[in-house]
C-alpha atoms as a PDB file:
ATOM      1  CA  MET A   1     -26.429  19.053  11.867  1.00  0.00           C
ATOM      2  CA  LYS A   2     -23.543  18.678   9.458  1.00  0.00           C
ATOM      3  CA  LYS A   3     -23.819  15.951   6.845  1.00  0.00           C
ATOM      4  CA  ILE A   4     -21.368  13.152   6.066  1.00  0.00           C
ATOM      5  CA  LEU A   5     -21.502  11.148   2.840  1.00  0.00           C
ATOM      6  CA  MET A   6     -19.935   7.691   3.118  1.00  0.00           C
ATOM      7  CA  GLY A   7     -18.621   6.461  -0.221  1.00  0.00           C
ATOM      8  CA  HIS A   8     -18.707   2.848   0.945  1.00  0.00           C
ATOM      9  CA  ASN A   9     -21.129   0.816   3.036  1.00  0.00           C
ATOM     10  CA  PHE A  10     -18.721   0.691   5.958  1.00  0.00           C
ATOM     11  CA  ARG A  11     -19.577  -1.248   9.119  1.00  0.00           C
ATOM     12  CA  ARG A  12     -21.796   1.053  11.149  1.00  0.00           C
ATOM     13  CA  GLU A  13     -20.333  -0.002  14.491  1.00  0.00           C
ATOM     14  CA  ASP A  14     -16.878   1.148  13.402  1.00  0.00           C
ATOM     15  CA  PHE A  15     -18.199   4.692  12.911  1.00  0.00           C
ATOM     16  CA  ALA A  16     -20.369   4.758  16.042  1.00  0.00           C
ATOM     17  CA  GLY A  17     -18.395   7.744  17.342  1.00  0.00           C
ATOM     18  CA  LEU A  18     -20.116   9.933  14.737  1.00  0.00           C
ATOM     19  CA  GLU A  19     -23.672   8.914  15.635  1.00  0.00           C
ATOM     20  CA  GLY A  20     -25.775  11.709  17.100  1.00  0.00           C
ATOM     21  CA  LYS A  21     -23.231  14.341  16.064  1.00  0.00           C
ATOM     22  CA  PHE A  22     -23.766  14.248  12.299  1.00  0.00           C
ATOM     23  CA  ILE A  23     -26.288  13.174   9.696  1.00  0.00           C
ATOM     24  CA  ILE A  24     -24.604  10.172   8.068  1.00  0.00           C
ATOM     25  CA  ILE A  25     -25.574   8.910   4.616  1.00  0.00           C
ATOM     26  CA  TYR A  26     -24.526   5.377   3.659  1.00  0.00           C
ATOM     27  CA  PRO A  27     -25.098   3.623   0.325  1.00  0.00           C
ATOM     28  CA  GLU A  28     -27.752   0.904   0.279  1.00  0.00           C
ATOM     29  CA  ASN A  29     -25.466  -1.346  -1.717  1.00  0.00           C
ATOM     30  CA  LYS A  30     -21.730  -1.920  -1.292  1.00  0.00           C
ATOM     31  CA  LEU A  31     -20.771   1.537  -2.510  1.00  0.00           C
ATOM     32  CA  PHE A  32     -22.054   4.608  -4.278  1.00  0.00           C
ATOM     33  CA  THR A  33     -21.352   4.973  -7.968  1.00  0.00           C
ATOM     34  CA  LYS A  34     -19.764   8.195  -9.122  1.00  0.00           C
ATOM     35  CA  ASP A  35     -23.094   9.365 -10.559  1.00  0.00           C
ATOM     36  CA  GLU A  36     -24.834   8.704  -7.244  1.00  0.00           C
ATOM     37  CA  ILE A  37     -22.198  10.705  -5.403  1.00  0.00           C
ATOM     38  CA  LEU A  38     -22.520  13.586  -7.848  1.00  0.00           C
ATOM     39  CA  GLU A  39     -26.284  13.613  -7.245  1.00  0.00           C
ATOM     40  CA  GLN A  40     -25.932  13.840  -3.458  1.00  0.00           C
ATOM     41  CA  ILE A  41     -22.735  15.707  -2.652  1.00  0.00           C
ATOM     42  CA  SER A  42     -23.817  19.324  -3.248  1.00  0.00           C
ATOM     43  CA  ASP A  43     -24.827  19.986   0.389  1.00  0.00           C
ATOM     44  CA  ILE A  44     -22.419  17.545   2.069  1.00  0.00           C
ATOM     45  CA  ASP A  45     -19.917  18.823   4.664  1.00  0.00           C
ATOM     46  CA  VAL A  46     -17.677  15.737   4.840  1.00  0.00           C
ATOM     47  CA  PHE A  47     -16.991  13.074   2.226  1.00  0.00           C
ATOM     48  CA  VAL A  48     -15.442   9.744   3.263  1.00  0.00           C
ATOM     49  CA  PRO A  49     -14.133   7.884   0.187  1.00  0.00           C
ATOM     50  CA  ASN A  50     -12.528   4.483   0.420  1.00  0.00           C
ATOM     51  CA  PHE A  51      -8.930   4.119  -0.718  1.00  0.00           C
ATOM     52  CA  SER A  52      -9.803   3.231  -4.321  1.00  0.00           C
ATOM     53  CA  PHE A  53     -12.494   5.801  -5.166  1.00  0.00           C
ATOM     54  CA  GLN A  54     -11.226   8.587  -7.426  1.00  0.00           C
ATOM     55  CA  THR A  55     -12.205  11.885  -5.837  1.00  0.00           C
ATOM     56  CA  ASP A  56     -11.447  14.104  -8.804  1.00  0.00           C
ATOM     57  CA  ALA A  57     -12.113  17.716  -9.782  1.00  0.00           C
ATOM     58  CA  GLU A  58     -15.610  16.856 -11.006  1.00  0.00           C
ATOM     59  CA  ILE A  59     -16.579  15.496  -7.592  1.00  0.00           C
ATOM     60  CA  ILE A  60     -14.962  18.433  -5.799  1.00  0.00           C
ATOM     61  CA  ASP A  61     -16.677  21.012  -8.027  1.00  0.00           C
ATOM     62  CA  ALA A  62     -20.057  19.406  -7.353  1.00  0.00           C
ATOM     63  CA  ALA A  63     -19.473  19.563  -3.588  1.00  0.00           C
ATOM     64  CA  LYS A  64     -20.456  23.195  -3.042  1.00  0.00           C
ATOM     65  CA  ASN A  65     -20.526  22.883   0.759  1.00  0.00           C
ATOM     66  CA  LEU A  66     -17.663  20.438   1.257  1.00  0.00           C
ATOM     67  CA  LYS A  67     -15.169  21.227   4.009  1.00  0.00           C
ATOM     68  CA  LEU A  68     -13.340  17.942   4.544  1.00  0.00           C
ATOM     69  CA  ILE A  69     -12.413  14.818   2.594  1.00  0.00           C
ATOM     70  CA  ALA A  70     -11.623  12.238   5.276  1.00  0.00           C
ATOM     71  CA  ASN A  71      -9.884   9.482   3.342  1.00  0.00           C
ATOM     72  CA  TYR A  72     -10.304   5.917   4.590  1.00  0.00           C
ATOM     73  CA  GLY A  73      -6.698   4.899   3.970  1.00  0.00           C
ATOM     74  CA  VAL A  74      -3.180   6.278   4.133  1.00  0.00           C
ATOM     75  CA  GLY A  75      -2.442   6.648   0.419  1.00  0.00           C
ATOM     76  CA  TYR A  76      -4.253   9.566  -1.153  1.00  0.00           C
ATOM     77  CA  ASN A  77      -3.317   9.387  -4.827  1.00  0.00           C
ATOM     78  CA  ASN A  78      -7.030   8.623  -5.330  1.00  0.00           C
ATOM     79  CA  ILE A  79      -7.803  12.242  -4.382  1.00  0.00           C
ATOM     80  CA  ASP A  80      -6.965  15.422  -6.283  1.00  0.00           C
ATOM     81  CA  VAL A  81      -5.396  16.893  -3.162  1.00  0.00           C
ATOM     82  CA  GLU A  82      -4.075  20.076  -4.764  1.00  0.00           C
ATOM     83  CA  TYR A  83      -7.412  20.896  -6.340  1.00  0.00           C
ATOM     84  CA  ALA A  84      -9.168  20.289  -3.030  1.00  0.00           C
ATOM     85  CA  ALA A  85      -6.742  22.687  -1.341  1.00  0.00           C
ATOM     86  CA  SER A  86      -7.429  25.328  -3.990  1.00  0.00           C
ATOM     87  CA  LYS A  87     -11.101  25.110  -3.033  1.00  0.00           C
ATOM     88  CA  GLY A  88     -10.346  25.404   0.679  1.00  0.00           C
ATOM     89  CA  ILE A  89     -11.143  21.751   1.355  1.00  0.00           C
ATOM     90  CA  ALA A  90      -8.968  19.854   3.837  1.00  0.00           C
ATOM     91  CA  VAL A  91      -7.913  16.263   3.124  1.00  0.00           C
ATOM     92  CA  THR A  92      -6.971  13.799   5.870  1.00  0.00           C
ATOM     93  CA  ASN A  93      -5.728  10.211   5.868  1.00  0.00           C
ATOM     94  CA  THR A  94      -5.230   7.361   8.354  1.00  0.00           C
ATOM     95  CA  PRO A  95      -1.463   6.941   8.842  1.00  0.00           C
ATOM     96  CA  GLN A  96      -1.389   5.237  12.235  1.00  0.00           C
ATOM     97  CA  SER A  97      -3.817   2.366  11.724  1.00  0.00           C
ATOM     98  CA  VAL A  98      -2.246   1.121   8.471  1.00  0.00           C
ATOM     99  CA  LEU A  99       1.339   1.079   9.704  1.00  0.00           C
ATOM    100  CA  GLU A 100       1.783  -2.321  11.349  1.00  0.00           C
ATOM    101  CA  PRO A 101      -0.700  -4.296   9.200  1.00  0.00           C
ATOM    102  CA  THR A 102       0.951  -3.129   5.963  1.00  0.00           C
ATOM    103  CA  ALA A 103       4.434  -3.911   7.254  1.00  0.00           C
ATOM    104  CA  GLU A 104       3.143  -7.283   8.411  1.00  0.00           C
ATOM    105  CA  LEU A 105       1.821  -8.168   4.955  1.00  0.00           C
ATOM    106  CA  CYS A 106       5.003  -6.863   3.340  1.00  0.00           C
ATOM    107  CA  PHE A 107       7.089  -9.256   5.394  1.00  0.00           C
ATOM    108  CA  THR A 108       4.566 -12.060   4.886  1.00  0.00           C
ATOM    109  CA  LEU A 109       4.948 -11.689   1.117  1.00  0.00           C
ATOM    110  CA  MET A 110       8.703 -11.655   1.560  1.00  0.00           C
ATOM    111  CA  MET A 111       8.650 -14.948   3.460  1.00  0.00           C
ATOM    112  CA  ALA A 112       6.036 -16.599   1.235  1.00  0.00           C
ATOM    113  CA  THR A 113       7.911 -15.619  -1.919  1.00  0.00           C
ATOM    114  CA  ALA A 114      11.350 -16.642  -0.709  1.00  0.00           C
ATOM    115  CA  ARG A 115      10.161 -19.971   0.681  1.00  0.00           C
ATOM    116  CA  LYS A 116       7.760 -20.660  -2.240  1.00  0.00           C
ATOM    117  CA  VAL A 117       4.817 -21.175   0.118  1.00  0.00           C
ATOM    118  CA  ALA A 118       2.122 -20.215  -2.394  1.00  0.00           C
ATOM    119  CA  TYR A 119       3.775 -22.324  -5.102  1.00  0.00           C
ATOM    120  CA  TYR A 120       3.928 -25.400  -2.873  1.00  0.00           C
ATOM    121  CA  ASN A 121       0.362 -24.891  -1.678  1.00  0.00           C
ATOM    122  CA  HIS A 122      -1.034 -24.485  -5.190  1.00  0.00           C
ATOM    123  CA  LYS A 123       0.791 -27.519  -6.565  1.00  0.00           C
ATOM    124  CA  LEU A 124      -0.191 -29.797  -3.685  1.00  0.00           C
ATOM    125  CA  HIS A 125      -3.835 -28.730  -3.843  1.00  0.00           C
ATOM    126  CA  SER A 126      -3.741 -29.343  -7.599  1.00  0.00           C
ATOM    127  CA  GLY A 127      -2.509 -32.901  -7.101  1.00  0.00           C
ATOM    128  CA  VAL A 128       0.890 -32.181  -8.636  1.00  0.00           C
ATOM    129  CA  ARG A 129       3.644 -34.381  -7.237  1.00  0.00           C
ATOM    130  CA  LEU A 130       6.516 -32.115  -6.229  1.00  0.00           C
ATOM    131  CA  ASP A 131      10.140 -33.182  -6.060  1.00  0.00           C
ATOM    132  CA  TRP A 132      10.550 -34.127  -2.375  1.00  0.00           C
ATOM    133  CA  SER A 133      14.203 -35.056  -2.793  1.00  0.00           C
ATOM    134  CA  ILE A 134      17.009 -33.240  -0.985  1.00  0.00           C
ATOM    135  CA  TYR A 135      17.613 -30.734  -3.778  1.00  0.00           C
ATOM    136  CA  GLY A 136      14.166 -30.558  -5.366  1.00  0.00           C
ATOM    137  CA  ASP A 137      11.967 -27.429  -5.584  1.00  0.00           C
ATOM    138  CA  LEU A 138      14.009 -25.389  -3.127  1.00  0.00           C
ATOM    139  CA  GLY A 139      13.359 -21.848  -1.976  1.00  0.00           C
ATOM    140  CA  VAL A 140      15.779 -19.352  -0.476  1.00  0.00           C
ATOM    141  CA  SER A 141      16.462 -18.375   3.124  1.00  0.00           C
ATOM    142  CA  LEU A 142      16.169 -14.768   4.277  1.00  0.00           C
ATOM    143  CA  TYR A 143      18.534 -15.143   7.223  1.00  0.00           C
ATOM    144  CA  GLY A 144      21.775 -13.273   6.546  1.00  0.00           C
ATOM    145  CA  GLN A 145      20.421 -11.731   3.338  1.00  0.00           C
ATOM    146  CA  THR A 146      20.284  -8.030   2.485  1.00  0.00           C
ATOM    147  CA  LEU A 147      16.974  -6.205   2.412  1.00  0.00           C
ATOM    148  CA  GLY A 148      16.946  -3.000   0.377  1.00  0.00           C
ATOM    149  CA  ILE A 149      14.117  -0.681   1.390  1.00  0.00           C
ATOM    150  CA  TYR A 150      13.076   2.050  -1.020  1.00  0.00           C
ATOM    151  CA  GLY A 151      11.170   4.488   1.170  1.00  0.00           C
ATOM    152  CA  MET A 152      12.357   4.173   4.767  1.00  0.00           C
ATOM    153  CA  GLY A 153       9.435   6.058   6.279  1.00  0.00           C
ATOM    154  CA  ARG A 154       7.266   4.731   9.060  1.00  0.00           C
ATOM    155  CA  ILE A 155       6.095   1.656   7.146  1.00  0.00           C
ATOM    156  CA  GLY A 156       9.590   1.022   5.783  1.00  0.00           C
ATOM    157  CA  GLN A 157      10.968   1.184   9.307  1.00  0.00           C
ATOM    158  CA  ALA A 158       8.298  -1.242  10.536  1.00  0.00           C
ATOM    159  CA  VAL A 159       9.375  -3.635   7.771  1.00  0.00           C
ATOM    160  CA  ALA A 160      13.015  -3.175   8.813  1.00  0.00           C
ATOM    161  CA  ARG A 161      12.129  -4.072  12.390  1.00  0.00           C
ATOM    162  CA  ARG A 162      10.704  -7.402  11.264  1.00  0.00           C
ATOM    163  CA  ALA A 163      13.639  -8.066   8.942  1.00  0.00           C
ATOM    164  CA  ILE A 164      16.156  -7.455  11.716  1.00  0.00           C
ATOM    165  CA  ALA A 165      14.343 -10.002  13.879  1.00  0.00           C
ATOM    166  CA  SER A 166      14.852 -12.516  11.056  1.00  0.00           C
ATOM    167  CA  GLY A 167      18.569 -11.829  10.822  1.00  0.00           C
ATOM    168  CA  MET A 168      18.568  -9.681   7.688  1.00  0.00           C
ATOM    169  CA  ASN A 169      20.866  -6.758   6.916  1.00  0.00           C
ATOM    170  CA  ILE A 170      19.272  -3.414   6.021  1.00  0.00           C
ATOM    171  CA  ILE A 171      20.221  -0.934   3.324  1.00  0.00           C
ATOM    172  CA  TYR A 172      17.859   1.814   2.211  1.00  0.00           C
ATOM    173  CA  HIS A 173      17.311   4.673  -0.172  1.00  0.00           C
ATOM    174  CA  ASN A 174      15.224   7.763   0.532  1.00  0.00           C
ATOM    175  CA  ARG A 175      14.892  11.147  -1.058  1.00  0.00           C
ATOM    176  CA  ASN A 176      16.539  12.394   2.140  1.00  0.00           C
ATOM    177  CA  ARG A 177      18.895  10.482   4.394  1.00  0.00           C
ATOM    178  CA  LEU A 178      17.563   9.571   7.833  1.00  0.00           C
ATOM    179  CA  PRO A 179      19.046  11.016  11.038  1.00  0.00           C
ATOM    180  CA  LYS A 180      21.976   9.066  12.431  1.00  0.00           C
ATOM    181  CA  ASP A 181      20.051   7.808  15.468  1.00  0.00           C
ATOM    182  CA  ILE A 182      17.379   6.237  13.238  1.00  0.00           C
ATOM    183  CA  GLU A 183      20.030   4.566  11.072  1.00  0.00           C
ATOM    184  CA  GLU A 184      21.697   3.192  14.193  1.00  0.00           C
ATOM    185  CA  LYS A 185      18.376   1.934  15.557  1.00  0.00           C
ATOM    186  CA  TYR A 186      17.938  -0.308  12.509  1.00  0.00           C
ATOM    187  CA  ASN A 187      21.635  -0.744  11.735  1.00  0.00           C
ATOM    188  CA  ALA A 188      20.638   0.594   8.316  1.00  0.00           C
ATOM    189  CA  THR A 189      23.055   1.851   5.680  1.00  0.00           C
ATOM    190  CA  TYR A 190      22.063   4.632   3.288  1.00  0.00           C
ATOM    191  CA  VAL A 191      22.954   3.883  -0.355  1.00  0.00           C
ATOM    192  CA  ASP A 192      22.118   5.334  -3.756  1.00  0.00           C
ATOM    193  CA  PHE A 193      19.372   3.664  -5.759  1.00  0.00           C
ATOM    194  CA  ASP A 194      21.699   1.803  -8.131  1.00  0.00           C
ATOM    195  CA  THR A 195      23.616   0.312  -5.209  1.00  0.00           C
ATOM    196  CA  LEU A 196      20.376  -0.743  -3.560  1.00  0.00           C
ATOM    197  CA  LEU A 197      19.322  -2.585  -6.715  1.00  0.00           C
ATOM    198  CA  LYS A 198      22.687  -4.282  -7.196  1.00  0.00           C
ATOM    199  CA  GLU A 199      23.310  -5.352  -3.589  1.00  0.00           C
ATOM    200  CA  SER A 200      19.850  -6.312  -2.327  1.00  0.00           C
ATOM    201  CA  ASP A 201      18.622  -9.880  -2.101  1.00  0.00           C
ATOM    202  CA  VAL A 202      15.151  -8.463  -1.506  1.00  0.00           C
ATOM    203  CA  VAL A 203      13.957  -5.032  -2.681  1.00  0.00           C
ATOM    204  CA  SER A 204      10.930  -3.696  -0.813  1.00  0.00           C
ATOM    205  CA  LEU A 205       9.026  -0.709  -2.207  1.00  0.00           C
ATOM    206  CA  ASN A 206       7.501   1.403   0.563  1.00  0.00           C
ATOM    207  CA  ALA A 207       7.218   4.819  -1.077  1.00  0.00           C
ATOM    208  CA  PRO A 208       4.142   6.772  -2.209  1.00  0.00           C
ATOM    209  CA  ALA A 209       3.028   7.119  -5.820  1.00  0.00           C
ATOM    210  CA  THR A 210       4.338  10.401  -7.208  1.00  0.00           C
ATOM    211  CA  ALA A 211       5.576  11.673 -10.556  1.00  0.00           C
ATOM    212  CA  GLU A 212       9.075  10.870  -9.306  1.00  0.00           C
ATOM    213  CA  THR A 213       8.278   7.236  -8.437  1.00  0.00           C
ATOM    214  CA  TYR A 214       6.137   6.398 -11.488  1.00  0.00           C
ATOM    215  CA  HIS A 215       7.567   3.191 -13.022  1.00  0.00           C
ATOM    216  CA  LEU A 216      10.487   3.408 -10.637  1.00  0.00           C
ATOM    217  CA  MET A 217      11.063  -0.254 -11.421  1.00  0.00           C
ATOM    218  CA  GLY A 218      11.379  -0.951 -15.128  1.00  0.00           C
ATOM    219  CA  GLU A 219      13.455  -2.998 -17.541  1.00  0.00           C
ATOM    220  CA  ALA A 220      16.713  -1.169 -16.770  1.00  0.00           C
ATOM    221  CA  GLU A 221      16.242  -1.540 -13.014  1.00  0.00           C
ATOM    222  CA  PHE A 222      15.491  -5.274 -13.180  1.00  0.00           C
ATOM    223  CA  LYS A 223      18.676  -5.809 -15.183  1.00  0.00           C
ATOM    224  CA  LYS A 224      20.664  -4.263 -12.325  1.00  0.00           C
ATOM    225  CA  MET A 225      19.220  -6.663  -9.749  1.00  0.00           C
ATOM    226  CA  LYS A 226      20.632 -10.051  -8.847  1.00  0.00           C
ATOM    227  CA  ASN A 227      19.111 -13.011 -10.678  1.00  0.00           C
ATOM    228  CA  SER A 228      18.337 -14.391  -7.217  1.00  0.00           C
ATOM    229  CA  ALA A 229      16.631 -11.193  -6.030  1.00  0.00           C
ATOM    230  CA  ILE A 230      13.015 -10.757  -4.953  1.00  0.00           C
ATOM    231  CA  LEU A 231      10.854  -7.669  -5.479  1.00  0.00           C
ATOM    232  CA  ILE A 232       8.131  -6.829  -2.943  1.00  0.00           C
ATOM    233  CA  ASN A 233       5.601  -4.067  -3.590  1.00  0.00           C
ATOM    234  CA  THR A 234       3.043  -3.155  -0.924  1.00  0.00           C
ATOM    235  CA  ALA A 235       3.159   0.568  -1.753  1.00  0.00           C
ATOM    236  CA  ARG A 236       1.391   1.519  -4.988  1.00  0.00           C
ATOM    237  CA  GLY A 237       1.125  -0.308  -8.301  1.00  0.00           C
ATOM    238  CA  GLN A 238       2.277   2.723 -10.268  1.00  0.00           C
ATOM    239  CA  LEU A 239       5.816   2.216  -8.948  1.00  0.00           C
ATOM    240  CA  VAL A 240       6.313  -0.873 -11.129  1.00  0.00           C
ATOM    241  CA  ASP A 241       6.228  -1.337 -14.898  1.00  0.00           C
ATOM    242  CA  GLU A 242       4.276  -4.596 -14.777  1.00  0.00           C
ATOM    243  CA  LYS A 243       5.096  -5.599 -18.358  1.00  0.00           C
ATOM    244  CA  ALA A 244       8.819  -5.264 -17.614  1.00  0.00           C
ATOM    245  CA  LEU A 245       8.371  -7.148 -14.336  1.00  0.00           C
ATOM    246  CA  ALA A 246       6.590 -10.043 -16.028  1.00  0.00           C
ATOM    247  CA  ALA A 247       9.404 -10.270 -18.577  1.00  0.00           C
ATOM    248  CA  ALA A 248      12.051 -10.222 -15.832  1.00  0.00           C
ATOM    249  CA  LEU A 249      10.263 -13.019 -13.966  1.00  0.00           C
ATOM    250  CA  LYS A 250       9.825 -15.109 -17.111  1.00  0.00           C
ATOM    251  CA  THR A 251      13.449 -14.855 -18.204  1.00  0.00           C
ATOM    252  CA  GLY A 252      14.953 -15.317 -14.743  1.00  0.00           C
ATOM    253  CA  GLU A 253      16.252 -11.753 -14.626  1.00  0.00           C
ATOM    254  CA  ILE A 254      14.986 -11.805 -11.030  1.00  0.00           C
ATOM    255  CA  TYR A 255      13.907 -14.755  -8.890  1.00  0.00           C
ATOM    256  CA  ALA A 256      10.401 -13.776  -7.803  1.00  0.00           C
ATOM    257  CA  ALA A 257       8.012 -10.991  -6.855  1.00  0.00           C
ATOM    258  CA  GLY A 258       5.395 -10.493  -4.154  1.00  0.00           C
ATOM    259  CA  LEU A 259       2.780  -7.895  -5.093  1.00  0.00           C
ATOM    260  CA  ASP A 260      -0.112  -6.496  -3.084  1.00  0.00           C
ATOM    261  CA  VAL A 261      -0.767  -3.547  -5.399  1.00  0.00           C
ATOM    262  CA  PHE A 262      -1.259  -3.155  -9.131  1.00  0.00           C
ATOM    263  CA  GLU A 263      -1.164  -0.327 -11.619  1.00  0.00           C
ATOM    264  CA  LYS A 264      -4.772  -0.567 -12.812  1.00  0.00           C
ATOM    265  CA  GLU A 265      -6.610  -2.110  -9.883  1.00  0.00           C
ATOM    266  CA  PRO A 266      -8.641  -4.228  -9.738  1.00  0.00           C
ATOM    267  CA  LYS A 267      -7.208  -5.375 -13.076  1.00  0.00           C
ATOM    268  CA  ILE A 268      -3.979  -7.348 -12.946  1.00  0.00           C
ATOM    269  CA  PHE A 269      -1.517  -7.522 -15.827  1.00  0.00           C
ATOM    270  CA  PRO A 270      -2.481 -10.897 -17.413  1.00  0.00           C
ATOM    271  CA  GLU A 271       1.042 -12.288 -17.729  1.00  0.00           C
ATOM    272  CA  LEU A 272       1.585 -11.958 -13.974  1.00  0.00           C
ATOM    273  CA  LEU A 273      -1.348 -14.306 -13.380  1.00  0.00           C
ATOM    274  CA  GLU A 274       0.416 -17.031 -15.351  1.00  0.00           C
ATOM    275  CA  LEU A 275       3.637 -17.019 -13.319  1.00  0.00           C
ATOM    276  CA  ASP A 276       4.357 -19.307 -10.362  1.00  0.00           C
ATOM    277  CA  ASN A 277       7.061 -16.906  -9.176  1.00  0.00           C
ATOM    278  CA  ALA A 278       4.643 -13.976  -8.877  1.00  0.00           C
ATOM    279  CA  ILE A 279       2.840 -14.097  -5.526  1.00  0.00           C
ATOM    280  CA  LEU A 280      -0.210 -11.831  -5.624  1.00  0.00           C
ATOM    281  CA  SER A 281      -2.627 -10.439  -3.054  1.00  0.00           C
ATOM    282  CA  PRO A 282      -5.592  -8.061  -3.602  1.00  0.00           C
ATOM    283  CA  HIS A 283      -4.393  -4.764  -2.074  1.00  0.00           C
ATOM    284  CA  ALA A 284      -4.811  -6.306   1.362  1.00  0.00           C
ATOM    285  CA  GLY A 285      -2.150  -4.444   3.333  1.00  0.00           C
ATOM    286  CA  THR A 286      -4.831  -3.445   5.825  1.00  0.00           C
ATOM    287  CA  GLY A 287      -6.911  -6.548   5.182  1.00  0.00           C
ATOM    288  CA  THR A 288      -7.618  -7.533   8.783  1.00  0.00           C
ATOM    289  CA  TYR A 289     -10.712  -6.871  10.882  1.00  0.00           C
ATOM    290  CA  SER A 290      -8.765  -4.929  13.480  1.00  0.00           C
ATOM    291  CA  ALA A 291      -6.974  -2.779  10.894  1.00  0.00           C
ATOM    292  CA  ARG A 292     -10.189  -1.825   9.097  1.00  0.00           C
ATOM    293  CA  ARG A 293     -11.805  -1.005  12.444  1.00  0.00           C
ATOM    294  CA  ASP A 294      -8.840   1.126  13.480  1.00  0.00           C
ATOM    295  CA  MET A 295      -8.889   2.965  10.142  1.00  0.00           C
ATOM    296  CA  ALA A 296     -12.538   3.852  10.742  1.00  0.00           C
ATOM    297  CA  HIS A 297     -11.726   5.095  14.233  1.00  0.00           C
ATOM    298  CA  GLU A 298      -8.980   7.266  12.771  1.00  0.00           C
ATOM    299  CA  VAL A 299     -11.450   8.723  10.257  1.00  0.00           C
ATOM    300  CA  VAL A 300     -13.864   9.448  13.120  1.00  0.00           C
ATOM    301  CA  LYS A 301     -11.113  11.187  15.080  1.00  0.00           C
ATOM    302  CA  ASN A 302     -10.158  13.332  12.089  1.00  0.00           C
ATOM    303  CA  ILE A 303     -13.752  14.397  11.442  1.00  0.00           C
ATOM    304  CA  ILE A 304     -14.535  15.295  15.049  1.00  0.00           C
ATOM    305  CA  ASN A 305     -11.219  17.053  15.604  1.00  0.00           C
ATOM    306  CA  PHE A 306     -11.611  19.005  12.368  1.00  0.00           C
ATOM    307  CA  PHE A 307     -14.794  20.647  13.602  1.00  0.00           C
ATOM    308  CA  GLU A 308     -13.636  20.964  17.211  1.00  0.00           C
ATOM    309  CA  GLY A 309     -10.230  22.443  16.393  1.00  0.00           C
ATOM    310  CA  GLY A 310      -8.205  19.395  17.429  1.00  0.00           C
ATOM    311  CA  GLN A 311      -5.254  17.710  15.736  1.00  0.00           C
ATOM    312  CA  ILE A 312      -5.931  16.047  12.384  1.00  0.00           C
ATOM    313  CA  ASP A 313      -3.878  14.028   9.896  1.00  0.00           C
ATOM    314  CA  LYS A 314      -4.001  16.702   7.190  1.00  0.00           C
ATOM    315  CA  VAL A 315      -2.165  16.046   3.926  1.00  0.00           C
ATOM    316  CA  ASN A 316      -2.794  19.323   2.072  1.00  0.00           C
END
């Protein structure tokens, strides 16, 4: 039987579809260390890393029998995809199961940041008396505001759907403009990046981490935004220069930020932790029981279909 190495101690019941078809090796603890993986991967057919494990050239070179890297997650910047392809190794991801949960968290951060929910909650739990007067400690309303989406792919469109339901206007920027029928569906207007920064009340980053998007948001970009604007990042931490963001939040260059991803996870830029107008979550875009279950099922489907000649979510 073919062998699968699980990089993480995933819930067994979520991967039940593989039982009896493969030899499955799980770590005894939460996850395998890199050294433990290197010791075991030489005769493995399928490797299933979680979305934070760096599957680099060293791992790939040690995997003499590897045929498939079935990533548990949609983003695959944790995998040296090109090197895997050069070795004849397929890489798959889980695009369907992450779609709605990630968009849901994106919009949750948008609402929580605009309406200062985390700030209020923290202060009240800390015993701080807030200003309950008519004009004290106010947030901002999203109704009638402009949402600028950078990366209007499937997740960006799912965010747009939620924003429309809340009465927001949609502008977007992509590498390529969307077909007219998609724009009409979301009543979305294509603009250049500078216009998106200048006109948006909320900027949502929903693009992958690439050389092109590295530090997409830096000092110059924050200066172009409204002082009342909010930045939301549920994509990848590498898209934002966190030092520049912290400075923009401190000086009032922008109003607030909601971040689910960070450049050097699990580390968080220290200055962000000190700011009431930075709402942070721990890369939890798929952080629900149902989403994690569905991701596992998508991994199972990719593995079985790979060996049976069915359709897979191949990224290389």
